[in-house]
Amino acid sequence: MTAPKDWQKPSRSGPAANCVEIGQAPGLVGIRDTKNRDGGTLLINHTTFGTFLQAIRDDRLR
């Protein structure tokens, strides 16, 4: 399995270090904590990530 690369954090985070980063790998999206980058990465497929983002946009996670 290829490790995610090209990590990005949300633009709304600004200079804050308390957020998550997203990295891309073939067929996968990696999610990790910026405060603990070596603490592990959650890997999910692109479809699941898209569903997760849509749930955030629809405010269904409260």
Protein backbone atom coordinates (compact mmCIF):
# COMPACT_ATOMS: atom_id res chain seq x y z
CA MET A 1 0.00 0.00 0.00
CA THR A 2 1.23 3.46 -0.87
CA ALA A 3 1.38 5.94 2.01
CA PRO A 4 -0.58 9.17 1.65
CA LYS A 5 1.40 12.21 0.53
CA ASP A 6 0.90 15.88 -0.24
CA TRP A 7 -0.62 16.52 3.19
CA GLN A 8 -2.85 19.61 3.46
CA LYS A 9 -4.69 21.20 6.33
CA PRO A 10 -7.91 23.19 5.97
CA SER A 11 -7.45 26.79 4.89
CA ARG A 12 -9.80 27.91 7.68
CA SER A 13 -7.27 26.64 10.23
CA GLY A 14 -4.87 29.47 9.48
CA PRO A 15 -1.67 29.15 11.49
CA ALA A 16 -3.36 26.97 14.15
CA ALA A 17 -1.75 23.61 14.79
CA ASN A 18 -4.82 21.95 16.30
CA CYS A 19 -6.51 20.52 13.26
CA VAL A 20 -6.38 17.53 10.96
CA GLU A 21 -4.51 17.07 7.71
CA ILE A 22 -5.63 15.20 4.63
CA GLY A 23 -3.25 13.26 2.39
CA GLN A 24 -3.88 11.43 -0.86
CA ALA A 25 -2.82 7.93 -1.91
CA PRO A 26 -4.10 5.80 -4.81
CA GLY A 27 -7.69 4.97 -3.89
CA LEU A 28 -7.32 6.26 -0.34
CA VAL A 29 -7.50 9.40 1.75
CA GLY A 30 -5.37 9.67 4.88
CA ILE A 31 -6.45 11.72 7.89
CA ARG A 32 -4.04 12.62 10.70
CA ASP A 33 -3.72 15.00 13.65
CA THR A 34 -1.34 17.94 13.12
CA LYS A 35 -0.35 17.85 16.80
CA ASN A 36 0.76 14.21 16.52
CA ARG A 37 1.66 13.40 12.93
CA ASP A 38 3.45 10.20 13.93
CA GLY A 39 0.53 9.03 16.07
CA GLY A 40 -1.25 7.19 13.29
CA THR A 41 -3.25 7.80 10.16
CA LEU A 42 -6.87 6.93 9.48
CA LEU A 43 -7.16 5.57 5.94
CA ILE A 44 -10.51 5.56 4.15
CA ASN A 45 -11.52 5.20 0.52
CA HIS A 46 -12.49 8.20 -1.61
CA THR A 47 -16.21 7.33 -1.61
CA THR A 48 -16.36 7.15 2.18
CA PHE A 49 -14.45 10.42 2.47
CA GLY A 50 -16.86 12.11 0.06
CA THR A 51 -19.81 10.86 2.10
CA PHE A 52 -18.17 12.18 5.27
CA LEU A 53 -17.59 15.62 3.72
CA GLN A 54 -21.18 15.78 2.49
CA ALA A 55 -22.44 14.95 6.00
CA ILE A 56 -20.38 17.86 7.33
CA ARG A 57 -21.78 20.21 4.68
CA ASP A 58 -25.32 19.04 5.45
CA ASP A 59 -24.74 19.57 9.20
CA ARG A 60 -25.70 15.96 9.98
CA LEU A 61 -22.93 15.27 12.49
CA ARG A 62 -24.23 17.14 15.52
